[in-house]
Amino acid sequence: VRGCMVIKPYGYAIWEKMQSVLDKM
């Protein structure tokens, strides 16, 4: 899909960590 990305497992693992910390904050 033009302009859209696939976030791969390693990248998503970093985002999940960000999400988890921010969610707690």
mmCIF file of all heavy atoms, coordinates in Angstrom:
data_MODEL
# 
_entry.id   MODEL 
# 
loop_
_atom_site.group_PDB 
_atom_site.id 
_atom_site.type_symbol 
_atom_site.label_atom_id 
_atom_site.label_alt_id 
_atom_site.label_comp_id 
_atom_site.label_asym_id 
_atom_site.label_entity_id 
_atom_site.label_seq_id 
_atom_site.pdbx_PDB_ins_code 
_atom_site.Cartn_x 
_atom_site.Cartn_y 
_atom_site.Cartn_z 
_atom_site.occupancy 
_atom_site.B_iso_or_equiv 
_atom_site.pdbx_formal_charge 
_atom_site.auth_seq_id 
_atom_site.auth_comp_id 
_atom_site.auth_asym_id 
_atom_site.auth_atom_id 
_atom_site.pdbx_PDB_model_num 
ATOM 1   N N   . VAL A 1 1  ? 0.856  -1.183 0.000  1.00 0.00 ? 1  VAL A N   1 
ATOM 2   C CA  . VAL A 1 1  ? 0.000  0.000  0.000  1.00 0.00 ? 1  VAL A CA  1 
ATOM 3   C C   . VAL A 1 1  ? 0.893  1.235  0.000  1.00 0.00 ? 1  VAL A C   1 
ATOM 4   O O   . VAL A 1 1  ? 1.667  1.444  0.939  1.00 0.00 ? 1  VAL A O   1 
ATOM 5   C CB  . VAL A 1 1  ? -0.935 0.025  1.227  1.00 0.00 ? 1  VAL A CB  1 
ATOM 6   C CG1 . VAL A 1 1  ? -1.847 1.238  1.172  1.00 0.00 ? 1  VAL A CG1 1 
ATOM 7   C CG2 . VAL A 1 1  ? -1.742 -1.272 1.308  1.00 0.00 ? 1  VAL A CG2 1 
ATOM 8   N N   . ARG A 1 2  ? 0.795  2.049  -1.000 1.00 0.00 ? 2  ARG A N   1 
ATOM 9   C CA  . ARG A 1 2  ? 1.679  3.205  -1.130 1.00 0.00 ? 2  ARG A CA  1 
ATOM 10  C C   . ARG A 1 2  ? 1.613  4.092  0.115  1.00 0.00 ? 2  ARG A C   1 
ATOM 11  O O   . ARG A 1 2  ? 0.541  4.482  0.563  1.00 0.00 ? 2  ARG A O   1 
ATOM 12  C CB  . ARG A 1 2  ? 1.284  4.022  -2.362 1.00 0.00 ? 2  ARG A CB  1 
ATOM 13  C CG  . ARG A 1 2  ? 2.221  5.186  -2.654 1.00 0.00 ? 2  ARG A CG  1 
ATOM 14  C CD  . ARG A 1 2  ? 1.750  5.957  -3.888 1.00 0.00 ? 2  ARG A CD  1 
ATOM 15  N NE  . ARG A 1 2  ? 2.630  7.040  -4.207 1.00 0.00 ? 2  ARG A NE  1 
ATOM 16  C CZ  . ARG A 1 2  ? 2.601  8.244  -3.627 1.00 0.00 ? 2  ARG A CZ  1 
ATOM 17  N NH1 . ARG A 1 2  ? 1.713  8.478  -2.672 1.00 0.00 ? 2  ARG A NH1 1 
ATOM 18  N NH2 . ARG A 1 2  ? 3.440  9.196  -3.984 1.00 0.00 ? 2  ARG A NH2 1 
ATOM 19  N N   . GLY A 1 3  ? 2.806  4.380  0.649  1.00 0.00 ? 3  GLY A N   1 
ATOM 20  C CA  . GLY A 1 3  ? 2.878  5.279  1.789  1.00 0.00 ? 3  GLY A CA  1 
ATOM 21  C C   . GLY A 1 3  ? 2.661  4.620  3.132  1.00 0.00 ? 3  GLY A C   1 
ATOM 22  O O   . GLY A 1 3  ? 2.760  5.282  4.163  1.00 0.00 ? 3  GLY A O   1 
ATOM 23  N N   . CYS A 1 4  ? 2.357  3.320  3.138  1.00 0.00 ? 4  CYS A N   1 
ATOM 24  C CA  . CYS A 1 4  ? 2.129  2.609  4.404  1.00 0.00 ? 4  CYS A CA  1 
ATOM 25  C C   . CYS A 1 4  ? 3.281  1.650  4.669  1.00 0.00 ? 4  CYS A C   1 
ATOM 26  O O   . CYS A 1 4  ? 3.924  1.158  3.746  1.00 0.00 ? 4  CYS A O   1 
ATOM 27  C CB  . CYS A 1 4  ? 0.815  1.840  4.369  1.00 0.00 ? 4  CYS A CB  1 
ATOM 28  S SG  . CYS A 1 4  ? -0.647 2.905  4.285  1.00 0.00 ? 4  CYS A SG  1 
ATOM 29  N N   . MET A 1 5  ? 3.530  1.358  5.940  1.00 0.00 ? 5  MET A N   1 
ATOM 30  C CA  . MET A 1 5  ? 4.668  0.522  6.301  1.00 0.00 ? 5  MET A CA  1 
ATOM 31  C C   . MET A 1 5  ? 4.213  -0.748 7.011  1.00 0.00 ? 5  MET A C   1 
ATOM 32  O O   . MET A 1 5  ? 3.141  -0.812 7.607  1.00 0.00 ? 5  MET A O   1 
ATOM 33  C CB  . MET A 1 5  ? 5.631  1.292  7.205  1.00 0.00 ? 5  MET A CB  1 
ATOM 34  C CG  . MET A 1 5  ? 5.074  1.712  8.545  1.00 0.00 ? 5  MET A CG  1 
ATOM 35  S SD  . MET A 1 5  ? 6.283  2.595  9.564  1.00 0.00 ? 5  MET A SD  1 
ATOM 36  C CE  . MET A 1 5  ? 5.209  3.280  10.841 1.00 0.00 ? 5  MET A CE  1 
ATOM 37  N N   . VAL A 1 6  ? 5.077  -1.742 6.932  1.00 0.00 ? 6  VAL A N   1 
ATOM 38  C CA  . VAL A 1 6  ? 4.971  -2.944 7.762  1.00 0.00 ? 6  VAL A CA  1 
ATOM 39  C C   . VAL A 1 6  ? 5.989  -2.787 8.886  1.00 0.00 ? 6  VAL A C   1 
ATOM 40  O O   . VAL A 1 6  ? 7.185  -2.632 8.618  1.00 0.00 ? 6  VAL A O   1 
ATOM 41  C CB  . VAL A 1 6  ? 5.279  -4.214 6.950  1.00 0.00 ? 6  VAL A CB  1 
ATOM 42  C CG1 . VAL A 1 6  ? 5.317  -5.433 7.873  1.00 0.00 ? 6  VAL A CG1 1 
ATOM 43  C CG2 . VAL A 1 6  ? 4.260  -4.409 5.842  1.00 0.00 ? 6  VAL A CG2 1 
ATOM 44  N N   . ILE A 1 7  ? 5.531  -2.772 10.114 1.00 0.00 ? 7  ILE A N   1 
ATOM 45  C CA  . ILE A 1 7  ? 6.453  -2.743 11.251 1.00 0.00 ? 7  ILE A CA  1 
ATOM 46  C C   . ILE A 1 7  ? 6.792  -4.192 11.577 1.00 0.00 ? 7  ILE A C   1 
ATOM 47  O O   . ILE A 1 7  ? 5.918  -4.985 11.933 1.00 0.00 ? 7  ILE A O   1 
ATOM 48  C CB  . ILE A 1 7  ? 5.828  -2.043 12.472 1.00 0.00 ? 7  ILE A CB  1 
ATOM 49  C CG1 . ILE A 1 7  ? 5.384  -0.627 12.104 1.00 0.00 ? 7  ILE A CG1 1 
ATOM 50  C CG2 . ILE A 1 7  ? 6.833  -1.996 13.625 1.00 0.00 ? 7  ILE A CG2 1 
ATOM 51  C CD1 . ILE A 1 7  ? 4.676  0.108  13.217 1.00 0.00 ? 7  ILE A CD1 1 
ATOM 52  N N   . LYS A 1 8  ? 8.056  -4.554 11.444 1.00 0.00 ? 8  LYS A N   1 
ATOM 53  C CA  . LYS A 1 8  ? 8.480  -5.936 11.625 1.00 0.00 ? 8  LYS A CA  1 
ATOM 54  C C   . LYS A 1 8  ? 8.622  -6.260 13.123 1.00 0.00 ? 8  LYS A C   1 
ATOM 55  O O   . LYS A 1 8  ? 8.632  -5.344 13.964 1.00 0.00 ? 8  LYS A O   1 
ATOM 56  C CB  . LYS A 1 8  ? 9.783  -6.168 10.858 1.00 0.00 ? 8  LYS A CB  1 
ATOM 57  C CG  . LYS A 1 8  ? 9.603  -5.943 9.343  1.00 0.00 ? 8  LYS A CG  1 
ATOM 58  C CD  . LYS A 1 8  ? 10.878 -6.171 8.567  1.00 0.00 ? 8  LYS A CD  1 
ATOM 59  C CE  . LYS A 1 8  ? 11.200 -7.640 8.435  1.00 0.00 ? 8  LYS A CE  1 
ATOM 60  N NZ  . LYS A 1 8  ? 12.358 -7.853 7.536  1.00 0.00 ? 8  LYS A NZ  1 
ATOM 61  N N   . PRO A 1 9  ? 8.707  -7.545 13.468 1.00 0.00 ? 9  PRO A N   1 
ATOM 62  C CA  . PRO A 1 9  ? 8.703  -7.925 14.888 1.00 0.00 ? 9  PRO A CA  1 
ATOM 63  C C   . PRO A 1 9  ? 9.734  -7.199 15.747 1.00 0.00 ? 9  PRO A C   1 
ATOM 64  O O   . PRO A 1 9  ? 9.420  -6.783 16.870 1.00 0.00 ? 9  PRO A O   1 
ATOM 65  C CB  . PRO A 1 9  ? 8.962  -9.436 14.838 1.00 0.00 ? 9  PRO A CB  1 
ATOM 66  C CG  . PRO A 1 9  ? 8.340  -9.864 13.554 1.00 0.00 ? 9  PRO A CG  1 
ATOM 67  C CD  . PRO A 1 9  ? 8.620  -8.740 12.587 1.00 0.00 ? 9  PRO A CD  1 
ATOM 68  N N   . TYR A 1 10 ? 10.959 -7.020 15.244 1.00 0.00 ? 10 TYR A N   1 
ATOM 69  C CA  . TYR A 1 10 ? 11.979 -6.351 16.071 1.00 0.00 ? 10 TYR A CA  1 
ATOM 70  C C   . TYR A 1 10 ? 11.616 -4.888 16.300 1.00 0.00 ? 10 TYR A C   1 
ATOM 71  O O   . TYR A 1 10 ? 11.762 -4.358 17.407 1.00 0.00 ? 10 TYR A O   1 
ATOM 72  C CB  . TYR A 1 10 ? 13.349 -6.470 15.403 1.00 0.00 ? 10 TYR A CB  1 
ATOM 73  C CG  . TYR A 1 10 ? 14.502 -6.086 16.307 1.00 0.00 ? 10 TYR A CG  1 
ATOM 74  C CD1 . TYR A 1 10 ? 14.787 -6.822 17.449 1.00 0.00 ? 10 TYR A CD1 1 
ATOM 75  C CD2 . TYR A 1 10 ? 15.312 -4.996 16.004 1.00 0.00 ? 10 TYR A CD2 1 
ATOM 76  C CE1 . TYR A 1 10 ? 15.852 -6.483 18.276 1.00 0.00 ? 10 TYR A CE1 1 
ATOM 77  C CE2 . TYR A 1 10 ? 16.380 -4.652 16.819 1.00 0.00 ? 10 TYR A CE2 1 
ATOM 78  C CZ  . TYR A 1 10 ? 16.634 -5.393 17.965 1.00 0.00 ? 10 TYR A CZ  1 
ATOM 79  O OH  . TYR A 1 10 ? 17.681 -5.044 18.789 1.00 0.00 ? 10 TYR A OH  1 
ATOM 80  N N   . GLY A 1 11 ? 11.130 -4.229 15.254 1.00 0.00 ? 11 GLY A N   1 
ATOM 81  C CA  . GLY A 1 11 ? 10.691 -2.838 15.407 1.00 0.00 ? 11 GLY A CA  1 
ATOM 82  C C   . GLY A 1 11 ? 9.482  -2.731 16.307 1.00 0.00 ? 11 GLY A C   1 
ATOM 83  O O   . GLY A 1 11 ? 9.383  -1.819 17.144 1.00 0.00 ? 11 GLY A O   1 
ATOM 84  N N   . TYR A 1 12 ? 8.552  -3.673 16.156 1.00 0.00 ? 12 TYR A N   1 
ATOM 85  C CA  . TYR A 1 12 ? 7.342  -3.618 16.982 1.00 0.00 ? 12 TYR A CA  1 
ATOM 86  C C   . TYR A 1 12 ? 7.657  -3.909 18.441 1.00 0.00 ? 12 TYR A C   1 
ATOM 87  O O   . TYR A 1 12 ? 6.998  -3.378 19.340 1.00 0.00 ? 12 TYR A O   1 
ATOM 88  C CB  . TYR A 1 12 ? 6.284  -4.594 16.455 1.00 0.00 ? 12 TYR A CB  1 
ATOM 89  C CG  . TYR A 1 12 ? 4.900  -4.242 16.939 1.00 0.00 ? 12 TYR A CG  1 
ATOM 90  C CD1 . TYR A 1 12 ? 4.170  -3.249 16.286 1.00 0.00 ? 12 TYR A CD1 1 
ATOM 91  C CD2 . TYR A 1 12 ? 4.351  -4.843 18.060 1.00 0.00 ? 12 TYR A CD2 1 
ATOM 92  C CE1 . TYR A 1 12 ? 2.899  -2.890 16.733 1.00 0.00 ? 12 TYR A CE1 1 
ATOM 93  C CE2 . TYR A 1 12 ? 3.086  -4.487 18.508 1.00 0.00 ? 12 TYR A CE2 1 
ATOM 94  C CZ  . TYR A 1 12 ? 2.371  -3.516 17.849 1.00 0.00 ? 12 TYR A CZ  1 
ATOM 95  O OH  . TYR A 1 12 ? 1.131  -3.156 18.307 1.00 0.00 ? 12 TYR A OH  1 
ATOM 96  N N   . ALA A 1 13 ? 8.684  -4.719 18.690 1.00 0.00 ? 13 ALA A N   1 
ATOM 97  C CA  . ALA A 1 13 ? 9.085  -4.997 20.079 1.00 0.00 ? 13 ALA A CA  1 
ATOM 98  C C   . ALA A 1 13 ? 9.548  -3.722 20.777 1.00 0.00 ? 13 ALA A C   1 
ATOM 99  O O   . ALA A 1 13 ? 9.273  -3.513 21.966 1.00 0.00 ? 13 ALA A O   1 
ATOM 100 C CB  . ALA A 1 13 ? 10.185 -6.056 20.107 1.00 0.00 ? 13 ALA A CB  1 
ATOM 101 N N   . ILE A 1 14 ? 10.250 -2.860 20.031 1.00 0.00 ? 14 ILE A N   1 
ATOM 102 C CA  . ILE A 1 14 ? 10.670 -1.574 20.606 1.00 0.00 ? 14 ILE A CA  1 
ATOM 103 C C   . ILE A 1 14 ? 9.446  -0.706 20.871 1.00 0.00 ? 14 ILE A C   1 
ATOM 104 O O   . ILE A 1 14 ? 9.312  -0.091 21.933 1.00 0.00 ? 14 ILE A O   1 
ATOM 105 C CB  . ILE A 1 14 ? 11.657 -0.857 19.666 1.00 0.00 ? 14 ILE A CB  1 
ATOM 106 C CG1 . ILE A 1 14 ? 12.920 -1.698 19.471 1.00 0.00 ? 14 ILE A CG1 1 
ATOM 107 C CG2 . ILE A 1 14 ? 12.025 0.521  20.225 1.00 0.00 ? 14 ILE A CG2 1 
ATOM 108 C CD1 . ILE A 1 14 ? 13.855 -1.165 18.394 1.00 0.00 ? 14 ILE A CD1 1 
ATOM 109 N N   . TRP A 1 15 ? 8.533  -0.638 19.892 1.00 0.00 ? 15 TRP A N   1 
ATOM 110 C CA  . TRP A 1 15 ? 7.310  0.147  20.069 1.00 0.00 ? 15 TRP A CA  1 
ATOM 111 C C   . TRP A 1 15 ? 6.499  -0.377 21.249 1.00 0.00 ? 15 TRP A C   1 
ATOM 112 O O   . TRP A 1 15 ? 5.942  0.416  22.024 1.00 0.00 ? 15 TRP A O   1 
ATOM 113 C CB  . TRP A 1 15 ? 6.501  0.129  18.787 1.00 0.00 ? 15 TRP A CB  1 
ATOM 114 C CG  . TRP A 1 15 ? 5.162  0.801  18.905 1.00 0.00 ? 15 TRP A CG  1 
ATOM 115 C CD1 . TRP A 1 15 ? 3.928  0.218  18.803 1.00 0.00 ? 15 TRP A CD1 1 
ATOM 116 C CD2 . TRP A 1 15 ? 4.906  2.196  19.167 1.00 0.00 ? 15 TRP A CD2 1 
ATOM 117 N NE1 . TRP A 1 15 ? 2.928  1.148  18.982 1.00 0.00 ? 15 TRP A NE1 1 
ATOM 118 C CE2 . TRP A 1 15 ? 3.504  2.369  19.198 1.00 0.00 ? 15 TRP A CE2 1 
ATOM 119 C CE3 . TRP A 1 15 ? 5.731  3.297  19.361 1.00 0.00 ? 15 TRP A CE3 1 
ATOM 120 C CZ2 . TRP A 1 15 ? 2.906  3.609  19.437 1.00 0.00 ? 15 TRP A CZ2 1 
ATOM 121 C CZ3 . TRP A 1 15 ? 5.141  4.541  19.589 1.00 0.00 ? 15 TRP A CZ3 1 
ATOM 122 C CH2 . TRP A 1 15 ? 3.746  4.690  19.622 1.00 0.00 ? 15 TRP A CH2 1 
ATOM 123 N N   . GLU A 1 16 ? 6.426  -1.691 21.418 1.00 0.00 ? 16 GLU A N   1 
ATOM 124 C CA  . GLU A 1 16 ? 5.691  -2.264 22.547 1.00 0.00 ? 16 GLU A CA  1 
ATOM 125 C C   . GLU A 1 16 ? 6.278  -1.815 23.880 1.00 0.00 ? 16 GLU A C   1 
ATOM 126 O O   . GLU A 1 16 ? 5.538  -1.543 24.835 1.00 0.00 ? 16 GLU A O   1 
ATOM 127 C CB  . GLU A 1 16 ? 5.691  -3.786 22.471 1.00 0.00 ? 16 GLU A CB  1 
ATOM 128 C CG  . GLU A 1 16 ? 4.672  -4.370 21.516 1.00 0.00 ? 16 GLU A CG  1 
ATOM 129 C CD  . GLU A 1 16 ? 4.660  -5.876 21.548 1.00 0.00 ? 16 GLU A CD  1 
ATOM 130 O OE1 . GLU A 1 16 ? 5.744  -6.483 21.491 1.00 0.00 ? 16 GLU A OE1 1 
ATOM 131 O OE2 . GLU A 1 16 ? 3.563  -6.464 21.633 1.00 0.00 ? 16 GLU A OE2 1 
ATOM 132 N N   . LYS A 1 17 ? 7.602  -1.748 23.946 1.00 0.00 ? 17 LYS A N   1 
ATOM 133 C CA  . LYS A 1 17 ? 8.238  -1.262 25.182 1.00 0.00 ? 17 LYS A CA  1 
ATOM 134 C C   . LYS A 1 17 ? 7.872  0.193  25.426 1.00 0.00 ? 17 LYS A C   1 
ATOM 135 O O   . LYS A 1 17 ? 7.545  0.596  26.551 1.00 0.00 ? 17 LYS A O   1 
ATOM 136 C CB  . LYS A 1 17 ? 9.758  -1.427 25.103 1.00 0.00 ? 17 LYS A CB  1 
ATOM 137 C CG  . LYS A 1 17 ? 10.252 -2.809 25.462 1.00 0.00 ? 17 LYS A CG  1 
ATOM 138 C CD  . LYS A 1 17 ? 11.712 -2.765 25.892 1.00 0.00 ? 17 LYS A CD  1 
ATOM 139 C CE  . LYS A 1 17 ? 12.097 -4.044 26.617 1.00 0.00 ? 17 LYS A CE  1 
ATOM 140 N NZ  . LYS A 1 17 ? 13.455 -3.972 27.203 1.00 0.00 ? 17 LYS A NZ  1 
ATOM 141 N N   . MET A 1 18 ? 7.940  1.010  24.383 1.00 0.00 ? 18 MET A N   1 
ATOM 142 C CA  . MET A 1 18 ? 7.539  2.415  24.506 1.00 0.00 ? 18 MET A CA  1 
ATOM 143 C C   . MET A 1 18 ? 6.092  2.506  24.985 1.00 0.00 ? 18 MET A C   1 
ATOM 144 O O   . MET A 1 18 ? 5.771  3.265  25.919 1.00 0.00 ? 18 MET A O   1 
ATOM 145 C CB  . MET A 1 18 ? 7.679  3.130  23.160 1.00 0.00 ? 18 MET A CB  1 
ATOM 146 C CG  . MET A 1 18 ? 9.085  3.340  22.676 1.00 0.00 ? 18 MET A CG  1 
ATOM 147 S SD  . MET A 1 18 ? 9.049  4.233  21.091 1.00 0.00 ? 18 MET A SD  1 
ATOM 148 C CE  . MET A 1 18 ? 10.797 4.597  20.873 1.00 0.00 ? 18 MET A CE  1 
ATOM 149 N N   . GLN A 1 19 ? 5.238  1.749  24.341 1.00 0.00 ? 19 GLN A N   1 
ATOM 150 C CA  . GLN A 1 19 ? 3.812  1.770  24.645 1.00 0.00 ? 19 GLN A CA  1 
ATOM 151 C C   . GLN A 1 19 ? 3.558  1.362  26.089 1.00 0.00 ? 19 GLN A C   1 
ATOM 152 O O   . GLN A 1 19 ? 2.770  1.995  26.801 1.00 0.00 ? 19 GLN A O   1 
ATOM 153 C CB  . GLN A 1 19 ? 3.090  0.818  23.686 1.00 0.00 ? 19 GLN A CB  1 
ATOM 154 C CG  . GLN A 1 19 ? 1.584  0.841  23.753 1.00 0.00 ? 19 GLN A CG  1 
ATOM 155 C CD  . GLN A 1 19 ? 0.970  -0.127 22.762 1.00 0.00 ? 19 GLN A CD  1 
ATOM 156 O OE1 . GLN A 1 19 ? 1.503  -1.217 22.516 1.00 0.00 ? 19 GLN A OE1 1 
ATOM 157 N NE2 . GLN A 1 19 ? -0.142 0.248  22.170 1.00 0.00 ? 19 GLN A NE2 1 
ATOM 158 N N   . SER A 1 20 ? 4.246  0.319  26.535 1.00 0.00 ? 20 SER A N   1 
ATOM 159 C CA  . SER A 1 20 ? 4.048  -0.182 27.894 1.00 0.00 ? 20 SER A CA  1 
ATOM 160 C C   . SER A 1 20 ? 4.429  0.859  28.937 1.00 0.00 ? 20 SER A C   1 
ATOM 161 O O   . SER A 1 20 ? 3.699  1.091  29.913 1.00 0.00 ? 20 SER A O   1 
ATOM 162 C CB  . SER A 1 20 ? 4.870  -1.464 28.090 1.00 0.00 ? 20 SER A CB  1 
ATOM 163 O OG  . SER A 1 20 ? 4.801  -1.907 29.422 1.00 0.00 ? 20 SER A OG  1 
ATOM 164 N N   . VAL A 1 21 ? 5.573  1.503  28.724 1.00 0.00 ? 21 VAL A N   1 
ATOM 165 C CA  . VAL A 1 21 ? 6.045  2.510  29.683 1.00 0.00 ? 21 VAL A CA  1 
ATOM 166 C C   . VAL A 1 21 ? 5.120  3.718  29.695 1.00 0.00 ? 21 VAL A C   1 
ATOM 167 O O   . VAL A 1 21 ? 4.701  4.209  30.752 1.00 0.00 ? 21 VAL A O   1 
ATOM 168 C CB  . VAL A 1 21 ? 7.484  2.944  29.346 1.00 0.00 ? 21 VAL A CB  1 
ATOM 169 C CG1 . VAL A 1 21 ? 7.915  4.100  30.250 1.00 0.00 ? 21 VAL A CG1 1 
ATOM 170 C CG2 . VAL A 1 21 ? 8.442  1.769  29.493 1.00 0.00 ? 21 VAL A CG2 1 
ATOM 171 N N   . LEU A 1 22 ? 4.783  4.221  28.506 1.00 0.00 ? 22 LEU A N   1 
ATOM 172 C CA  . LEU A 1 22 ? 3.904  5.386  28.426 1.00 0.00 ? 22 LEU A CA  1 
ATOM 173 C C   . LEU A 1 22 ? 2.531  5.083  29.021 1.00 0.00 ? 22 LEU A C   1 
ATOM 174 O O   . LEU A 1 22 ? 1.941  5.912  29.715 1.00 0.00 ? 22 LEU A O   1 
ATOM 175 C CB  . LEU A 1 22 ? 3.759  5.838  26.975 1.00 0.00 ? 22 LEU A CB  1 
ATOM 176 C CG  . LEU A 1 22 ? 4.948  6.611  26.396 1.00 0.00 ? 22 LEU A CG  1 
ATOM 177 C CD1 . LEU A 1 22 ? 4.861  6.671  24.882 1.00 0.00 ? 22 LEU A CD1 1 
ATOM 178 C CD2 . LEU A 1 22 ? 5.026  8.019  26.989 1.00 0.00 ? 22 LEU A CD2 1 
ATOM 179 N N   . ASP A 1 23 ? 2.021  3.891  28.744 1.00 0.00 ? 23 ASP A N   1 
ATOM 180 C CA  . ASP A 1 23 ? 0.712  3.516  29.263 1.00 0.00 ? 23 ASP A CA  1 
ATOM 181 C C   . ASP A 1 23 ? 0.699  3.578  30.791 1.00 0.00 ? 23 ASP A C   1 
ATOM 182 O O   . ASP A 1 23 ? -0.257 4.070  31.394 1.00 0.00 ? 23 ASP A O   1 
ATOM 183 C CB  . ASP A 1 23 ? 0.344  2.117  28.782 1.00 0.00 ? 23 ASP A CB  1 
ATOM 184 C CG  . ASP A 1 23 ? -1.133 1.812  28.938 1.00 0.00 ? 23 ASP A CG  1 
ATOM 185 O OD1 . ASP A 1 23 ? -1.942 2.500  28.295 1.00 0.00 ? 23 ASP A OD1 1 
ATOM 186 O OD2 . ASP A 1 23 ? -1.476 0.897  29.710 1.00 0.00 ? 23 ASP A OD2 1 
ATOM 187 N N   . LYS A 1 24 ? 1.769  3.095  31.402 1.00 0.00 ? 24 LYS A N   1 
ATOM 188 C CA  . LYS A 1 24 ? 1.859  3.157  32.869 1.00 0.00 ? 24 LYS A CA  1 
ATOM 189 C C   . LYS A 1 24 ? 1.955  4.598  33.352 1.00 0.00 ? 24 LYS A C   1 
ATOM 190 O O   . LYS A 1 24 ? 1.335  4.984  34.354 1.00 0.00 ? 24 LYS A O   1 
ATOM 191 C CB  . LYS A 1 24 ? 3.061  2.356  33.368 1.00 0.00 ? 24 LYS A CB  1 
ATOM 192 C CG  . LYS A 1 24 ? 3.156  2.306  34.899 1.00 0.00 ? 24 LYS A CG  1 
ATOM 193 C CD  . LYS A 1 24 ? 4.323  1.464  35.352 1.00 0.00 ? 24 LYS A CD  1 
ATOM 194 C CE  . LYS A 1 24 ? 4.299  1.293  36.866 1.00 0.00 ? 24 LYS A CE  1 
ATOM 195 N NZ  . LYS A 1 24 ? 4.308  2.572  37.605 1.00 0.00 ? 24 LYS A NZ  1 
ATOM 196 N N   . MET A 1 25 ? 2.733  5.420  32.640 1.00 0.00 ? 25 MET A N   1 
ATOM 197 C CA  . MET A 1 25 ? 2.862  6.831  33.021 1.00 0.00 ? 25 MET A CA  1 
ATOM 198 C C   . MET A 1 25 ? 1.510  7.533  32.940 1.00 0.00 ? 25 MET A C   1 
ATOM 199 O O   . MET A 1 25 ? 1.174  8.356  33.792 1.00 0.00 ? 25 MET A O   1 
ATOM 200 C CB  . MET A 1 25 ? 3.901  7.530  32.138 1.00 0.00 ? 25 MET A CB  1 
ATOM 201 C CG  . MET A 1 25 ? 5.314  6.996  32.307 1.00 0.00 ? 25 MET A CG  1 
ATOM 202 S SD  . MET A 1 25 ? 6.525  7.728  31.169 1.00 0.00 ? 25 MET A SD  1 
ATOM 203 C CE  . MET A 1 25 ? 6.922  9.249  32.032 1.00 0.00 ? 25 MET A CE  1 
# 
